[in-house]
C-alpha atoms as a PDB file:
ATOM      1  CA  UNK A   1     147.666  22.129 137.990  1.00  0.00           C
ATOM      2  CA  UNK A   2     146.297  19.502 139.952  1.00  0.00           C
ATOM      3  CA  UNK A   3     142.869  17.974 138.656  1.00  0.00           C
ATOM      4  CA  UNK A   4     139.993  18.762 141.265  1.00  0.00           C
ATOM      5  CA  UNK A   5     138.136  15.901 142.924  1.00  0.00           C
ATOM      6  CA  UNK A   6     134.733  15.685 144.118  1.00  0.00           C
ATOM      7  CA  UNK A   7     134.013  18.179 146.881  1.00  0.00           C
ATOM      8  CA  UNK A   8     136.904  20.552 145.777  1.00  0.00           C
ATOM      9  CA  UNK A   9     136.496  23.856 144.198  1.00  0.00           C
ATOM     10  CA  UNK A  10     137.996  24.702 140.696  1.00  0.00           C
ATOM     11  CA  UNK A  11     139.480  28.116 140.476  1.00  0.00           C
ATOM     12  CA  UNK A  12     139.096  28.159 136.821  1.00  0.00           C
ATOM     13  CA  UNK A  13     135.505  27.185 136.566  1.00  0.00           C
ATOM     14  CA  UNK A  14     134.083  25.417 133.610  1.00  0.00           C
ATOM     15  CA  UNK A  15     134.575  26.990 130.327  1.00  0.00           C
ATOM     16  CA  UNK A  16     135.674  26.707 126.659  1.00  0.00           C
ATOM     17  CA  UNK A  17     139.257  27.655 127.704  1.00  0.00           C
ATOM     18  CA  UNK A  18     139.660  24.214 129.799  1.00  0.00           C
ATOM     19  CA  UNK A  19     142.092  22.231 130.082  1.00  0.00           C
ATOM     20  CA  UNK A  20     144.623  23.872 128.217  1.00  0.00           C
ATOM     21  CA  UNK A  21     145.395  27.748 127.468  1.00  0.00           C
ATOM     22  CA  UNK A  22     142.756  30.110 126.449  1.00  0.00           C
ATOM     23  CA  UNK A  23     143.086  30.941 122.658  1.00  0.00           C
ATOM     24  CA  UNK A  24     141.219  33.848 121.540  1.00  0.00           C
ATOM     25  CA  UNK A  25     139.005  33.353 118.367  1.00  0.00           C
ATOM     26  CA  UNK A  26     139.783  34.950 114.955  1.00  0.00           C
ATOM     27  CA  UNK A  27     139.693  38.820 115.020  1.00  0.00           C
ATOM     28  CA  UNK A  28     137.345  40.494 112.574  1.00  0.00           C
ATOM     29  CA  UNK A  29     138.196  43.529 110.822  1.00  0.00           C
ATOM     30  CA  UNK A  30     135.869  45.918 113.054  1.00  0.00           C
ATOM     31  CA  UNK A  31     137.113  44.523 116.345  1.00  0.00           C
ATOM     32  CA  UNK A  32     137.311  47.412 118.857  1.00  0.00           C
ATOM     33  CA  UNK A  33     135.036  49.646 116.577  1.00  0.00           C
ATOM     34  CA  UNK A  34     132.471  50.202 119.352  1.00  0.00           C
ATOM     35  CA  UNK A  35     134.892  52.036 121.870  1.00  0.00           C
ATOM     36  CA  UNK A  36     136.068  54.709 118.965  1.00  0.00           C
ATOM     37  CA  UNK A  37     132.350  54.977 118.272  1.00  0.00           C
ATOM     38  CA  UNK A  38     131.091  55.584 121.999  1.00  0.00           C
ATOM     39  CA  UNK A  39     134.114  57.875 122.485  1.00  0.00           C
ATOM     40  CA  UNK A  40     133.202  59.898 119.357  1.00  0.00           C
ATOM     41  CA  UNK A  41     129.479  60.162 120.600  1.00  0.00           C
ATOM     42  CA  UNK A  42     130.588  61.119 124.055  1.00  0.00           C
ATOM     43  CA  UNK A  43     132.858  63.922 122.729  1.00  0.00           C
ATOM     44  CA  UNK A  44     129.946  65.007 120.368  1.00  0.00           C
ATOM     45  CA  UNK A  45     127.545  65.265 123.303  1.00  0.00           C
ATOM     46  CA  UNK A  46     130.185  67.209 125.278  1.00  0.00           C
ATOM     47  CA  UNK A  47     130.624  69.700 122.786  1.00  0.00           C
ATOM     48  CA  UNK A  48     126.788  70.321 122.015  1.00  0.00           C
ATOM     49  CA  UNK A  49     126.231  70.449 125.920  1.00  0.00           C
ATOM     50  CA  UNK A  50     129.189  73.355 126.250  1.00  0.00           C
ATOM     51  CA  UNK A  51     127.941  75.043 123.154  1.00  0.00           C
ATOM     52  CA  UNK A  52     124.474  75.056 124.572  1.00  0.00           C
ATOM     53  CA  UNK A  53     125.733  76.532 127.910  1.00  0.00           C
ATOM     54  CA  UNK A  54     127.613  79.071 126.051  1.00  0.00           C
ATOM     55  CA  UNK A  55     124.608  80.288 124.182  1.00  0.00           C
ATOM     56  CA  UNK A  56     122.459  80.317 127.154  1.00  0.00           C
ATOM     57  CA  UNK A  57     125.159  82.260 129.148  1.00  0.00           C
ATOM     58  CA  UNK A  58     125.302  85.123 126.311  1.00  0.00           C
ATOM     59  CA  UNK A  59     121.756  85.179 125.874  1.00  0.00           C
ATOM     60  CA  UNK A  60     121.480  85.734 129.924  1.00  0.00           C
ATOM     61  CA  UNK A  61     124.266  88.230 129.464  1.00  0.00           C
ATOM     62  CA  UNK A  62     122.596  90.380 126.753  1.00  0.00           C
ATOM     63  CA  UNK A  63     119.157  90.270 128.783  1.00  0.00           C
ATOM     64  CA  UNK A  64     121.139  91.638 131.770  1.00  0.00           C
ATOM     65  CA  UNK A  65     122.795  94.372 129.966  1.00  0.00           C
ATOM     66  CA  UNK A  66     119.409  95.307 128.103  1.00  0.00           C
ATOM     67  CA  UNK A  67     117.629  95.496 131.422  1.00  0.00           C
ATOM     68  CA  UNK A  68     120.391  97.699 133.021  1.00  0.00           C
ATOM     69  CA  UNK A  69     120.364  99.714 130.009  1.00  0.00           C
ATOM     70  CA  UNK A  70     116.564 100.320 129.854  1.00  0.00           C
ATOM     71  CA  UNK A  71     116.622 100.748 133.751  1.00  0.00           C
ATOM     72  CA  UNK A  72     119.127 103.562 133.516  1.00  0.00           C
ATOM     73  CA  UNK A  73     117.681 105.360 130.684  1.00  0.00           C
ATOM     74  CA  UNK A  74     114.092 105.360 132.462  1.00  0.00           C
ATOM     75  CA  UNK A  75     115.648 106.600 135.684  1.00  0.00           C
ATOM     76  CA  UNK A  76     117.504 109.300 133.521  1.00  0.00           C
ATOM     77  CA  UNK A  77     114.489 110.276 131.585  1.00  0.00           C
ATOM     78  CA  UNK A  78     112.403 111.087 134.806  1.00  0.00           C
ATOM     79  CA  UNK A  79     114.973 113.706 135.502  1.00  0.00           C
ATOM     80  CA  UNK A  80     115.394 114.873 131.862  1.00  0.00           C
ATOM     81  CA  UNK A  81     113.929 118.312 132.828  1.00  0.00           C
ATOM     82  CA  UNK A  82     116.678 118.832 135.668  1.00  0.00           C
ATOM     83  CA  UNK A  83     119.726 118.935 133.165  1.00  0.00           C
ATOM     84  CA  UNK A  84     122.500 116.710 131.792  1.00  0.00           C
ATOM     85  CA  UNK A  85     124.633 116.486 135.297  1.00  0.00           C
ATOM     86  CA  UNK A  86     121.458 115.205 137.207  1.00  0.00           C
ATOM     87  CA  UNK A  87     120.391 112.982 134.123  1.00  0.00           C
ATOM     88  CA  UNK A  88     123.582 111.078 133.948  1.00  0.00           C
ATOM     89  CA  UNK A  89     124.160 110.793 137.650  1.00  0.00           C
ATOM     90  CA  UNK A  90     120.738 109.102 137.959  1.00  0.00           C
ATOM     91  CA  UNK A  91     121.549 106.855 134.900  1.00  0.00           C
ATOM     92  CA  UNK A  92     125.000 105.945 136.673  1.00  0.00           C
ATOM     93  CA  UNK A  93     123.443 105.119 140.065  1.00  0.00           C
ATOM     94  CA  UNK A  94     120.921 102.958 138.409  1.00  0.00           C
ATOM     95  CA  UNK A  95     123.536 101.066 135.990  1.00  0.00           C
ATOM     96  CA  UNK A  96     125.799 100.338 138.942  1.00  0.00           C
ATOM     97  CA  UNK A  97     122.938  99.041 140.866  1.00  0.00           C
ATOM     98  CA  UNK A  98     122.324  96.361 138.273  1.00  0.00           C
ATOM     99  CA  UNK A  99     126.092  95.586 138.036  1.00  0.00           C
ATOM    100  CA  UNK A 100     126.650  97.501 134.757  1.00  0.00           C
ATOM    101  CA  UNK A 101     129.136 100.754 134.001  1.00  0.00           C
ATOM    102  CA  UNK A 102     127.667 103.540 132.463  1.00  0.00           C
ATOM    103  CA  UNK A 103     129.605 104.102 129.053  1.00  0.00           C
ATOM    104  CA  UNK A 104     127.633 106.929 127.530  1.00  0.00           C
ATOM    105  CA  UNK A 105     124.894 109.266 128.606  1.00  0.00           C
ATOM    106  CA  UNK A 106     123.517 111.813 125.930  1.00  0.00           C
ATOM    107  CA  UNK A 107     120.385 114.224 126.553  1.00  0.00           C
ATOM    108  CA  UNK A 108     118.491 115.260 123.639  1.00  0.00           C
ATOM    109  CA  UNK A 109     115.592 117.712 124.496  1.00  0.00           C
ATOM    110  CA  UNK A 110     113.844 115.351 127.104  1.00  0.00           C
ATOM    111  CA  UNK A 111     115.218 112.034 125.450  1.00  0.00           C
ATOM    112  CA  UNK A 112     117.855 110.259 126.958  1.00  0.00           C
ATOM    113  CA  UNK A 113     120.263 107.892 125.359  1.00  0.00           C
ATOM    114  CA  UNK A 114     122.635 105.381 127.602  1.00  0.00           C
ATOM    115  CA  UNK A 115     125.039 103.020 126.993  1.00  0.00           C
ATOM    116  CA  UNK A 116     125.745 100.556 129.465  1.00  0.00           C
ATOM    117  CA  UNK A 117     128.392  97.561 129.543  1.00  0.00           C
ATOM    118  CA  UNK A 118     128.892  94.820 131.978  1.00  0.00           C
ATOM    119  CA  UNK A 119     131.263  91.611 132.013  1.00  0.00           C
ATOM    120  CA  UNK A 120     130.159  88.457 130.514  1.00  0.00           C
ATOM    121  CA  UNK A 121     129.783  85.465 132.584  1.00  0.00           C
ATOM    122  CA  UNK A 122     131.123  82.867 130.665  1.00  0.00           C
ATOM    123  CA  UNK A 123     133.518  84.498 128.365  1.00  0.00           C
ATOM    124  CA  UNK A 124     136.307  87.071 128.934  1.00  0.00           C
ATOM    125  CA  UNK A 125     134.713  90.024 127.130  1.00  0.00           C
ATOM    126  CA  UNK A 126     132.181  92.840 127.810  1.00  0.00           C
ATOM    127  CA  UNK A 127     128.543  92.892 126.951  1.00  0.00           C
ATOM    128  CA  UNK A 128     126.951  96.461 126.007  1.00  0.00           C
ATOM    129  CA  UNK A 129     123.703  97.508 125.546  1.00  0.00           C
ATOM    130  CA  UNK A 130     121.856 100.931 124.594  1.00  0.00           C
ATOM    131  CA  UNK A 131     118.592 102.420 125.542  1.00  0.00           C
ATOM    132  CA  UNK A 132     116.850 105.283 124.551  1.00  0.00           C
ATOM    133  CA  UNK A 133     113.750 106.906 126.758  1.00  0.00           C
ATOM    134  CA  UNK A 134     111.888 110.000 127.429  1.00  0.00           C
ATOM    135  CA  UNK A 135     108.992 111.185 129.384  1.00  0.00           C
ATOM    136  CA  UNK A 136     105.588 110.750 127.820  1.00  0.00           C
ATOM    137  CA  UNK A 137     104.729 114.622 128.628  1.00  0.00           C
ATOM    138  CA  UNK A 138     106.953 117.622 129.246  1.00  0.00           C
ATOM    139  CA  UNK A 139     106.987 118.003 133.127  1.00  0.00           C
ATOM    140  CA  UNK A 140     106.652 121.515 132.992  1.00  0.00           C
ATOM    141  CA  UNK A 141     103.127 121.291 131.450  1.00  0.00           C
ATOM    142  CA  UNK A 142     100.004 120.442 133.375  1.00  0.00           C
ATOM    143  CA  UNK A 143      98.498 116.979 132.675  1.00  0.00           C
ATOM    144  CA  UNK A 144      94.653 116.958 132.774  1.00  0.00           C
END
């Protein structure tokens, strides 16, 4: 390499490696351990974020299923005096309007018990919920 004169630019620049080849200093036993720690921290943060998102999705799915079951039971209970066929048809329509399928529908007196299920948004499984409802009073009786 030819030396630079006044007015010429040096490609190597000033530094501790001039004029011979650059020799690395002594390595310590923990050299490069920061990379391992940062990668471990990033993996841990990704895992925690994923777990948090799965938990939030599971809670939302549970709430959606509960709401669909509650609404289906209330719709069916409003028609409890009309018989099982009408009751379950109303429950089925309401469950399907909420994105769920009606699994069971039972009428006991004026009390309706329904079970609905819907597909989970984050995991390949079904989420189900059960609800029970009945009218506050007997519809055949006069309310004052």
